[in-house]
């Protein structure tokens, strides 16, 4: 009898220890902070994909998932509403209006136009090209595809117009809501001009679907995309924001080294390209997606540094165009306490 009771007690003890171990394991597994990132399926957004696949987010105690969008402005809305925690987006009118309401802030820089590196390509539809629009000098008065009024594509067109001394009123801006619709409109000749990221633009040019006529960085070097988060995250979860910035910055460093610095071997380039292809072109065979990804690598700001001076210039243009309130300040738009700014 004594022996039976002892065995039962021992089994009960083992069960309690096992249950306790499982509970501890569950607690450890749940310790990572859940984070949702809003992104586009662009190579220029791929530093986050690299950071995820390389385990950099996990190392910082972050359980990251991605939510994909068709345009940049909705990412800002989703970030403000708490549907995503971070978003990679251009400095759009929508972002500025949400910043003015103290909903979101820019906390770092991502994609930057920089001479010597591929950037946004200026393209002509085949129809417009055949009709004589063969250089950037010829685009005045032609229709230009963009997602929305106040989008990055809208601002890029302004940069070219400003460099050429044109009035934006001379440009026919056509809002099409989605990047895919912009591409389709240019391929069909519905719009004459397309300004597009190189991994899409080069594929269009190589297939003969549109013509390359110039590069944006011939006219301006500017902060194209930024990392945003909610004011609530900044004020109440600062440590999480800092950890996210560190992890994402490692993804940027990897991409710049492999694609831009020229010292990565062929196997390393292939490994990273396969990783990115799963996010950027999930429905395409790797062999088809790889060239545009490799050729479409753009300059990403090391350490997520931010060109705050340029962001202020962008903000002023949106004010001048009446797209944001005139009393918005750059310090409402940017929290410069997380990364280096200049």
Foldseek 3Di string as FASTA:
>chain_A
DVVVVVVVVVVVVVVVVVVVVVVVVVCVVVQAAEFEEEEALALLRCLVLLLVVVCLSVVLRHDYDYDYDFAALVRLVCQLVVVGFKYKFFLFLSNLQSLVVQRKAFEFFWFKADPPWAWWFKWFAPVVVVVPQQALVRQFQFEEEDADVRGLSLVLVVLSCVLVVHDCVRYHYDHDNGPVSRLVCSLVVVGTIYTGQQLVVVVCCVVVSIHTHGGSVVRPIARTITMMGTSCCVVPVVSSVLSVLVSSLVSLVLLCVLQPVPPDDPVSLLVSLVSSCCRNPVPDDSVVSRVSSSSRDGHTDHSREEALVRSQVSVVVCVVVVSHPPPRDSVSHHDHPRGHYD
